[in-house]
Amino acid sequence: MKETLQEIALYYKNQGAPSDQSALLSCLREAQQACGGMLDAAAQQEIGAVLGVKPTYLQAVAKRISDLKLSGASHTLTVCQGVNCSREGKSIHRYLEDELGAKPGKTFLGGKWMYQTVGCQRACRTAPNVRVDGQLMTGMTLERLKEILQKG
């Protein structure tokens, strides 16, 4: 696997990655496919070494792209941490972190969900906002979130 990842990363490095974002995303998507559907820490380390970037940079890119998975979780829940969303979504944060034990960057509910937090999503008027598998959902309520998590 290590050699395959190095070949993929080298090919896309020659195509302009990491400075060419399109080449970088293509590299990460192909590597994810080669790794069986997720970019684990070892894959990030190999790709980063070839491209000359830190794995944390690759994680930051992958967190913003809904089809890139950093874990084996089936779904990703990304919660906005902007001022309005934090204020309006206190019950959501309490539920996720206190009741479900979710921690940012980790899976929860038996590994089915990946929990992420991000800065302002620029939809402040409709706070609180979350992304479910990359899709922005505005005006999130605790009841609606519970339904989504149950279905997932």
N, C-alpha and C. Protein backbone atom coordinates (compact mmCIF):
# COMPACT_ATOMS: atom_id res chain seq x y z
N MET A 1 0.82 -1.19 0.00
CA MET A 1 0.00 0.00 0.00
C MET A 1 0.87 1.26 0.00
N LYS A 2 1.95 1.21 0.77
CA LYS A 2 2.83 2.36 0.89
C LYS A 2 3.37 2.78 -0.49
N GLU A 3 3.78 1.80 -1.27
CA GLU A 3 4.31 2.10 -2.61
C GLU A 3 3.23 2.68 -3.52
N THR A 4 2.02 2.16 -3.43
CA THR A 4 0.91 2.65 -4.24
C THR A 4 0.63 4.11 -3.91
N LEU A 5 0.59 4.43 -2.61
CA LEU A 5 0.34 5.81 -2.19
C LEU A 5 1.46 6.74 -2.65
N GLN A 6 2.68 6.26 -2.58
CA GLN A 6 3.81 7.07 -3.04
C GLN A 6 3.72 7.33 -4.54
N GLU A 7 3.32 6.32 -5.31
CA GLU A 7 3.15 6.49 -6.76
C GLU A 7 2.06 7.50 -7.08
N ILE A 8 0.94 7.39 -6.38
CA ILE A 8 -0.18 8.32 -6.59
C ILE A 8 0.27 9.74 -6.27
N ALA A 9 0.88 9.91 -5.11
CA ALA A 9 1.31 11.24 -4.68
C ALA A 9 2.35 11.82 -5.62
N LEU A 10 3.28 11.01 -6.08
CA LEU A 10 4.31 11.49 -7.01
C LEU A 10 3.70 11.92 -8.33
N TYR A 11 2.75 11.14 -8.83
CA TYR A 11 2.08 11.51 -10.08
C TYR A 11 1.43 12.89 -9.95
N TYR A 12 0.68 13.09 -8.88
CA TYR A 12 -0.02 14.36 -8.71
C TYR A 12 0.92 15.51 -8.32
N LYS A 13 2.04 15.18 -7.71
CA LYS A 13 3.04 16.22 -7.45
C LYS A 13 3.55 16.76 -8.78
N ASN A 14 3.76 15.86 -9.73
CA ASN A 14 4.19 16.27 -11.07
C ASN A 14 3.10 17.02 -11.82
N GLN A 15 1.86 16.89 -11.35
CA GLN A 15 0.73 17.62 -11.95
C GLN A 15 0.49 18.96 -11.26
N GLY A 16 1.28 19.26 -10.22
CA GLY A 16 1.17 20.55 -9.56
C GLY A 16 0.71 20.52 -8.11
N ALA A 17 0.39 19.34 -7.60
CA ALA A 17 -0.01 19.26 -6.19
C ALA A 17 1.20 19.53 -5.31
N PRO A 18 1.09 20.15 -4.18
CA PRO A 18 -0.12 20.57 -3.51
C PRO A 18 -0.57 22.00 -3.86
N SER A 19 0.25 22.76 -4.58
CA SER A 19 -0.15 24.15 -4.85
C SER A 19 -1.35 24.23 -5.80
N ASP A 20 -1.50 23.27 -6.69
CA ASP A 20 -2.68 23.21 -7.56
C ASP A 20 -3.75 22.42 -6.83
N GLN A 21 -4.78 23.12 -6.38
CA GLN A 21 -5.80 22.49 -5.54
C GLN A 21 -6.51 21.36 -6.26
N SER A 22 -6.77 21.51 -7.54
CA SER A 22 -7.43 20.46 -8.30
C SER A 22 -6.60 19.18 -8.31
N ALA A 23 -5.30 19.33 -8.50
CA ALA A 23 -4.41 18.17 -8.49
C ALA A 23 -4.35 17.54 -7.10
N LEU A 24 -4.33 18.39 -6.07
CA LEU A 24 -4.30 17.88 -4.70
C LEU A 24 -5.56 17.08 -4.38
N LEU A 25 -6.72 17.62 -4.74
CA LEU A 25 -7.97 16.91 -4.47
C LEU A 25 -8.04 15.60 -5.25
N SER A 26 -7.59 15.61 -6.48
CA SER A 26 -7.57 14.37 -7.27
C SER A 26 -6.65 13.34 -6.62
N CYS A 27 -5.52 13.81 -6.12
CA CYS A 27 -4.57 12.94 -5.43
C CYS A 27 -5.23 12.31 -4.20
N LEU A 28 -5.88 13.11 -3.38
CA LEU A 28 -6.50 12.60 -2.16
C LEU A 28 -7.64 11.64 -2.48
N ARG A 29 -8.42 11.95 -3.50
CA ARG A 29 -9.52 11.05 -3.87
C ARG A 29 -9.00 9.70 -4.37
N GLU A 30 -7.96 9.73 -5.20
CA GLU A 30 -7.41 8.47 -5.71
C GLU A 30 -6.76 7.67 -4.58
N ALA A 31 -6.08 8.36 -3.69
CA ALA A 31 -5.46 7.68 -2.55
C ALA A 31 -6.52 7.07 -1.65
N GLN A 32 -7.60 7.79 -1.44
CA GLN A 32 -8.70 7.26 -0.62
C GLN A 32 -9.26 5.99 -1.22
N GLN A 33 -9.45 5.98 -2.52
CA GLN A 33 -9.95 4.79 -3.20
C GLN A 33 -8.98 3.63 -3.04
N ALA A 34 -7.69 3.91 -3.17
CA ALA A 34 -6.68 2.86 -3.03
C ALA A 34 -6.62 2.32 -1.61
N CYS A 35 -7.02 3.14 -0.63
CA CYS A 35 -6.98 2.75 0.78
C CYS A 35 -8.28 2.11 1.25
N GLY A 36 -9.20 1.86 0.37
CA GLY A 36 -10.44 1.21 0.75
C GLY A 36 -11.51 2.14 1.27
N GLY A 37 -11.43 3.41 0.90
CA GLY A 37 -12.52 4.32 1.24
C GLY A 37 -12.26 5.34 2.32
N MET A 38 -11.04 5.38 2.87
CA MET A 38 -10.73 6.41 3.87
C MET A 38 -9.25 6.73 3.86
N LEU A 39 -8.94 7.95 4.25
CA LEU A 39 -7.55 8.41 4.34
C LEU A 39 -7.11 8.38 5.81
N ASP A 40 -6.57 7.27 6.26
CA ASP A 40 -6.16 7.18 7.66
C ASP A 40 -4.84 7.94 7.88
N ALA A 41 -4.38 7.95 9.11
CA ALA A 41 -3.18 8.71 9.47
C ALA A 41 -1.94 8.23 8.71
N ALA A 42 -1.82 6.94 8.51
CA ALA A 42 -0.66 6.42 7.78
C ALA A 42 -0.67 6.89 6.32
N ALA A 43 -1.84 6.89 5.70
CA ALA A 43 -1.95 7.35 4.31
C ALA A 43 -1.62 8.85 4.23
N GLN A 44 -2.12 9.63 5.17
CA GLN A 44 -1.84 11.06 5.19
C GLN A 44 -0.34 11.31 5.35
N GLN A 45 0.30 10.50 6.17
CA GLN A 45 1.75 10.63 6.40
C GLN A 45 2.52 10.37 5.12
N GLU A 46 2.17 9.29 4.41
CA GLU A 46 2.86 8.94 3.16
C GLU A 46 2.67 10.01 2.08
N ILE A 47 1.44 10.44 1.91
CA ILE A 47 1.13 11.44 0.89
C ILE A 47 1.83 12.75 1.24
N GLY A 48 1.76 13.15 2.49
CA GLY A 48 2.40 14.38 2.93
C GLY A 48 3.91 14.36 2.71
N ALA A 49 4.54 13.21 2.97
CA ALA A 49 5.98 13.10 2.79
C ALA A 49 6.37 13.32 1.33
N VAL A 50 5.62 12.75 0.41
CA VAL A 50 5.92 12.90 -1.02
C VAL A 50 5.64 14.33 -1.49
N LEU A 51 4.53 14.89 -1.04
CA LEU A 51 4.15 16.23 -1.49
C LEU A 51 4.87 17.35 -0.76
N GLY A 52 5.54 17.01 0.34
CA GLY A 52 6.26 18.02 1.10
C GLY A 52 5.36 18.89 1.96
N VAL A 53 4.26 18.32 2.44
CA VAL A 53 3.35 19.05 3.33
C VAL A 53 3.10 18.20 4.58
N LYS A 54 2.67 18.86 5.63
CA LYS A 54 2.37 18.14 6.87
C LYS A 54 1.03 17.42 6.73
N PRO A 55 0.89 16.28 7.39
CA PRO A 55 -0.40 15.58 7.39
C PRO A 55 -1.55 16.45 7.89
N THR A 56 -1.27 17.36 8.81
CA THR A 56 -2.32 18.23 9.32
C THR A 56 -2.88 19.14 8.22
N TYR A 57 -2.04 19.49 7.25
CA TYR A 57 -2.52 20.28 6.11
C TYR A 57 -3.50 19.45 5.28
N LEU A 58 -3.15 18.19 5.05
CA LEU A 58 -4.03 17.30 4.29
C LEU A 58 -5.34 17.07 5.03
N GLN A 59 -5.28 16.95 6.36
CA GLN A 59 -6.49 16.80 7.16
C GLN A 59 -7.39 18.02 7.02
N ALA A 60 -6.78 19.20 7.06
CA ALA A 60 -7.56 20.44 6.95
C ALA A 60 -8.27 20.52 5.60
N VAL A 61 -7.58 20.11 4.55
CA VAL A 61 -8.19 20.10 3.22
C VAL A 61 -9.32 19.08 3.18
N ALA A 62 -9.04 17.87 3.66
CA ALA A 62 -10.02 16.79 3.60
C ALA A 62 -11.28 17.09 4.40
N LYS A 63 -11.14 17.80 5.51
CA LYS A 63 -12.30 18.12 6.35
C LYS A 63 -13.29 19.02 5.63
N ARG A 64 -12.83 19.77 4.65
CA ARG A 64 -13.69 20.70 3.93
C ARG A 64 -14.33 20.09 2.69
N ILE A 65 -13.93 18.88 2.34
CA ILE A 65 -14.43 18.21 1.13
C ILE A 65 -15.25 17.01 1.57
N SER A 66 -16.55 17.05 1.29
CA SER A 66 -17.48 16.06 1.86
C SER A 66 -17.21 14.62 1.42
N ASP A 67 -16.63 14.41 0.25
CA ASP A 67 -16.43 13.03 -0.18
C ASP A 67 -15.09 12.45 0.28
N LEU A 68 -14.29 13.22 0.99
CA LEU A 68 -13.04 12.70 1.55
C LEU A 68 -13.28 12.30 3.00
N LYS A 69 -12.93 11.09 3.34
CA LYS A 69 -13.18 10.55 4.68
C LYS A 69 -11.85 10.31 5.39
N LEU A 70 -11.76 10.82 6.62
CA LEU A 70 -10.57 10.63 7.43
C LEU A 70 -10.74 9.47 8.41
N SER A 71 -11.89 8.86 8.39
CA SER A 71 -12.16 7.73 9.28
C SER A 71 -13.09 6.77 8.55
N GLY A 72 -13.39 5.69 9.21
CA GLY A 72 -14.30 4.72 8.61
C GLY A 72 -15.77 5.03 8.87
N ALA A 73 -16.04 6.21 9.42
CA ALA A 73 -17.42 6.59 9.72
C ALA A 73 -18.22 6.72 8.44
N SER A 74 -19.47 6.29 8.50
CA SER A 74 -20.36 6.38 7.34
C SER A 74 -20.80 7.80 7.06
N HIS A 75 -20.89 8.61 8.11
CA HIS A 75 -21.41 9.97 7.97
C HIS A 75 -20.53 10.97 8.72
N THR A 76 -20.59 12.21 8.27
CA THR A 76 -19.84 13.28 8.92
C THR A 76 -20.81 14.37 9.35
N LEU A 77 -20.69 14.78 10.59
CA LEU A 77 -21.47 15.87 11.14
C LEU A 77 -20.50 17.01 11.46
N THR A 78 -20.67 18.12 10.76
CA THR A 78 -19.80 19.27 10.95
C THR A 78 -20.63 20.41 11.54
N VAL A 79 -20.24 20.86 12.72
CA VAL A 79 -21.00 21.86 13.46
C VAL A 79 -20.27 23.20 13.41
N CYS A 80 -20.99 24.23 13.01
CA CYS A 80 -20.45 25.58 12.94
C CYS A 80 -20.15 26.11 14.34
N GLN A 81 -19.00 26.74 14.49
CA GLN A 81 -18.58 27.33 15.76
C GLN A 81 -18.60 28.86 15.72
N GLY A 82 -19.23 29.42 14.69
CA GLY A 82 -19.34 30.88 14.60
C GLY A 82 -20.10 31.44 15.80
N VAL A 83 -20.02 32.75 15.99
CA VAL A 83 -20.63 33.39 17.16
C VAL A 83 -22.13 33.10 17.25
N ASN A 84 -22.88 33.34 16.19
CA ASN A 84 -24.33 33.11 16.23
C ASN A 84 -24.66 31.64 16.41
N CYS A 85 -23.96 30.77 15.70
CA CYS A 85 -24.26 29.33 15.80
C CYS A 85 -23.92 28.79 17.19
N SER A 86 -22.83 29.27 17.77
CA SER A 86 -22.47 28.82 19.12
C SER A 86 -23.52 29.26 20.14
N ARG A 87 -23.99 30.48 19.99
CA ARG A 87 -24.99 31.01 20.92
C ARG A 87 -26.33 30.31 20.73
N GLU A 88 -26.79 30.22 19.49
CA GLU A 88 -28.11 29.64 19.21
C GLU A 88 -28.12 28.11 19.33
N GLY A 89 -26.95 27.49 19.21
CA GLY A 89 -26.89 26.04 19.21
C GLY A 89 -26.31 25.42 20.46
N LYS A 90 -26.43 26.09 21.59
CA LYS A 90 -25.88 25.57 22.85
C LYS A 90 -26.41 24.18 23.16
N SER A 91 -27.70 23.98 22.94
CA SER A 91 -28.30 22.67 23.27
C SER A 91 -27.74 21.58 22.37
N ILE A 92 -27.43 21.92 21.14
CA ILE A 92 -26.84 20.94 20.20
C ILE A 92 -25.45 20.54 20.68
N HIS A 93 -24.64 21.53 21.04
CA HIS A 93 -23.29 21.24 21.54
C HIS A 93 -23.34 20.39 22.81
N ARG A 94 -24.22 20.78 23.74
CA ARG A 94 -24.34 20.03 24.99
C ARG A 94 -24.74 18.58 24.72
N TYR A 95 -25.71 18.40 23.83
CA TYR A 95 -26.18 17.05 23.52
C TYR A 95 -25.05 16.21 22.92
N LEU A 96 -24.38 16.76 21.92
CA LEU A 96 -23.32 16.00 21.25
C LEU A 96 -22.18 15.67 22.20
N GLU A 97 -21.70 16.67 22.89
CA GLU A 97 -20.49 16.47 23.69
C GLU A 97 -20.75 15.89 25.07
N ASP A 98 -21.80 16.32 25.72
CA ASP A 98 -22.05 15.83 27.09
C ASP A 98 -22.84 14.53 27.11
N GLU A 99 -23.91 14.47 26.33
CA GLU A 99 -24.76 13.27 26.37
C GLU A 99 -24.24 12.13 25.50
N LEU A 100 -23.74 12.46 24.30
CA LEU A 100 -23.26 11.41 23.40
C LEU A 100 -21.75 11.17 23.51
N GLY A 101 -21.05 12.08 24.19
CA GLY A 101 -19.60 11.93 24.35
C GLY A 101 -18.81 12.20 23.08
N ALA A 102 -19.40 12.92 22.14
CA ALA A 102 -18.72 13.24 20.88
C ALA A 102 -17.60 14.23 21.14
N LYS A 103 -16.47 14.00 20.49
CA LYS A 103 -15.32 14.89 20.57
C LYS A 103 -14.93 15.28 19.15
N PRO A 104 -14.64 16.56 18.92
CA PRO A 104 -14.25 16.99 17.57
C PRO A 104 -13.08 16.17 17.03
N GLY A 105 -13.24 15.73 15.78
CA GLY A 105 -12.20 14.93 15.13
C GLY A 105 -12.29 13.45 15.43
N LYS A 106 -13.30 13.04 16.18
CA LYS A 106 -13.46 11.63 16.56
C LYS A 106 -14.82 11.11 16.12
N THR A 107 -14.91 9.80 16.07
CA THR A 107 -16.19 9.18 15.73
C THR A 107 -17.03 9.02 16.99
N PHE A 108 -18.33 8.88 16.78
CA PHE A 108 -19.25 8.65 17.89
C PHE A 108 -20.41 7.80 17.39
N LEU A 109 -21.30 7.43 18.29
CA LEU A 109 -22.41 6.51 18.00
C LEU A 109 -21.91 5.24 17.33
N GLY A 110 -20.97 4.60 18.01
CA GLY A 110 -20.46 3.33 17.53
C GLY A 110 -19.63 3.42 16.26
N GLY A 111 -19.04 4.58 16.01
CA GLY A 111 -18.20 4.74 14.82
C GLY A 111 -18.96 5.09 13.56
N LYS A 112 -20.28 5.26 13.66
CA LYS A 112 -21.09 5.58 12.48
C LYS A 112 -20.93 7.03 12.03
N TRP A 113 -20.63 7.91 12.97
CA TRP A 113 -20.56 9.35 12.69
C TRP A 113 -19.20 9.91 13.07
N MET A 114 -18.69 10.80 12.23
CA MET A 114 -17.49 11.59 12.53
C MET A 114 -17.98 12.98 12.92
N TYR A 115 -17.49 13.50 14.04
CA TYR A 115 -17.88 14.82 14.55
C TYR A 115 -16.76 15.81 14.29
N GLN A 116 -17.10 16.89 13.59
CA GLN A 116 -16.13 17.94 13.30
C GLN A 116 -16.73 19.29 13.67
N THR A 117 -15.86 20.22 14.01
CA THR A 117 -16.29 21.60 14.22
C THR A 117 -15.50 22.49 13.27
N VAL A 118 -16.13 23.55 12.80
CA VAL A 118 -15.48 24.48 11.88
C VAL A 118 -15.87 25.90 12.25
N GLY A 119 -15.14 26.85 11.70
CA GLY A 119 -15.46 28.26 11.90
C GLY A 119 -16.74 28.62 11.18
N CYS A 120 -17.03 29.88 11.17
CA CYS A 120 -18.28 30.40 10.62
C CYS A 120 -18.54 29.89 9.20
N GLN A 121 -19.77 29.44 8.97
CA GLN A 121 -20.19 28.92 7.67
C GLN A 121 -20.87 30.00 6.82
N ARG A 122 -20.90 31.23 7.31
CA ARG A 122 -21.46 32.38 6.62
C ARG A 122 -22.94 32.22 6.27
N ALA A 123 -23.67 31.64 7.20
CA ALA A 123 -25.12 31.55 7.07
C ALA A 123 -25.73 31.95 8.42
N CYS A 124 -25.17 33.03 8.97
CA CYS A 124 -25.46 33.45 10.36
C CYS A 124 -26.93 33.73 10.63
N ARG A 125 -27.64 34.22 9.64
CA ARG A 125 -29.05 34.58 9.86
C ARG A 125 -29.91 33.36 10.19
N THR A 126 -29.44 32.19 9.80
CA THR A 126 -30.23 30.98 9.99
C THR A 126 -29.61 30.04 11.03
N ALA A 127 -28.85 30.60 11.94
CA ALA A 127 -28.16 29.81 12.96
C ALA A 127 -29.15 29.05 13.84
N PRO A 128 -28.75 27.90 14.35
CA PRO A 128 -27.46 27.25 14.19
C PRO A 128 -27.41 26.41 12.91
N ASN A 129 -26.21 26.30 12.38
CA ASN A 129 -26.00 25.59 11.12
C ASN A 129 -25.06 24.41 11.30
N VAL A 130 -25.37 23.33 10.63
CA VAL A 130 -24.51 22.15 10.62
C VAL A 130 -24.44 21.63 9.19
N ARG A 131 -23.45 20.84 8.94
CA ARG A 131 -23.34 20.13 7.66
C ARG A 131 -23.43 18.64 7.95
N VAL A 132 -24.28 17.98 7.21
CA VAL A 132 -24.41 16.53 7.31
C VAL A 132 -23.92 15.98 5.98
N ASP A 133 -22.82 15.25 6.05
CA ASP A 133 -22.18 14.71 4.85
C ASP A 133 -21.96 15.80 3.81
N GLY A 134 -21.56 16.97 4.29
CA GLY A 134 -21.23 18.08 3.40
C GLY A 134 -22.38 18.98 3.02
N GLN A 135 -23.61 18.59 3.31
CA GLN A 135 -24.77 19.39 2.94
C GLN A 135 -25.13 20.33 4.09
N LEU A 136 -25.16 21.63 3.78
CA LEU A 136 -25.49 22.63 4.80
C LEU A 136 -26.95 22.52 5.19
N MET A 137 -27.20 22.46 6.50
CA MET A 137 -28.56 22.41 7.04
C MET A 137 -28.68 23.56 8.01
N THR A 138 -29.54 24.52 7.66
CA THR A 138 -29.68 25.74 8.45
C THR A 138 -30.81 25.61 9.46
N GLY A 139 -30.74 26.46 10.49
CA GLY A 139 -31.79 26.47 11.51
C GLY A 139 -31.96 25.14 12.21
N MET A 140 -30.85 24.46 12.47
CA MET A 140 -30.91 23.14 13.08
C MET A 140 -31.49 23.21 14.50
N THR A 141 -32.37 22.26 14.78
CA THR A 141 -32.91 22.12 16.13
C THR A 141 -32.38 20.82 16.72
N LEU A 142 -32.45 20.71 18.01
CA LEU A 142 -32.00 19.50 18.67
C LEU A 142 -32.84 18.31 18.24
N GLU A 143 -34.14 18.50 18.13
CA GLU A 143 -35.02 17.40 17.73
C GLU A 143 -34.69 16.92 16.31
N ARG A 144 -34.47 17.86 15.41
CA ARG A 144 -34.13 17.51 14.03
C ARG A 144 -32.78 16.78 13.97
N LEU A 145 -31.82 17.25 14.76
CA LEU A 145 -30.51 16.60 14.79
C LEU A 145 -30.63 15.17 15.30
N LYS A 146 -31.43 14.96 16.33
CA LYS A 146 -31.62 13.61 16.86
C LYS A 146 -32.20 12.69 15.81
N GLU A 147 -33.16 13.19 15.01
CA GLU A 147 -33.75 12.39 13.93
C GLU A 147 -32.70 12.02 12.90
N ILE A 148 -31.87 12.98 12.52
CA ILE A 148 -30.82 12.74 11.52
C ILE A 148 -29.84 11.69 12.02
N LEU A 149 -29.42 11.82 13.27
CA LEU A 149 -28.46 10.87 13.83
C LEU A 149 -29.06 9.47 13.94
N GLN A 150 -30.34 9.39 14.26
CA GLN A 150 -31.02 8.09 14.34
C GLN A 150 -31.09 7.40 12.99
N LYS A 151 -31.40 8.16 11.94
CA LYS A 151 -31.50 7.60 10.59
C LYS A 151 -30.16 7.12 10.06
N GLY A 152 -29.09 7.85 10.43
CA GLY A 152 -27.75 7.55 9.92
C GLY A 152 -27.25 6.24 10.37
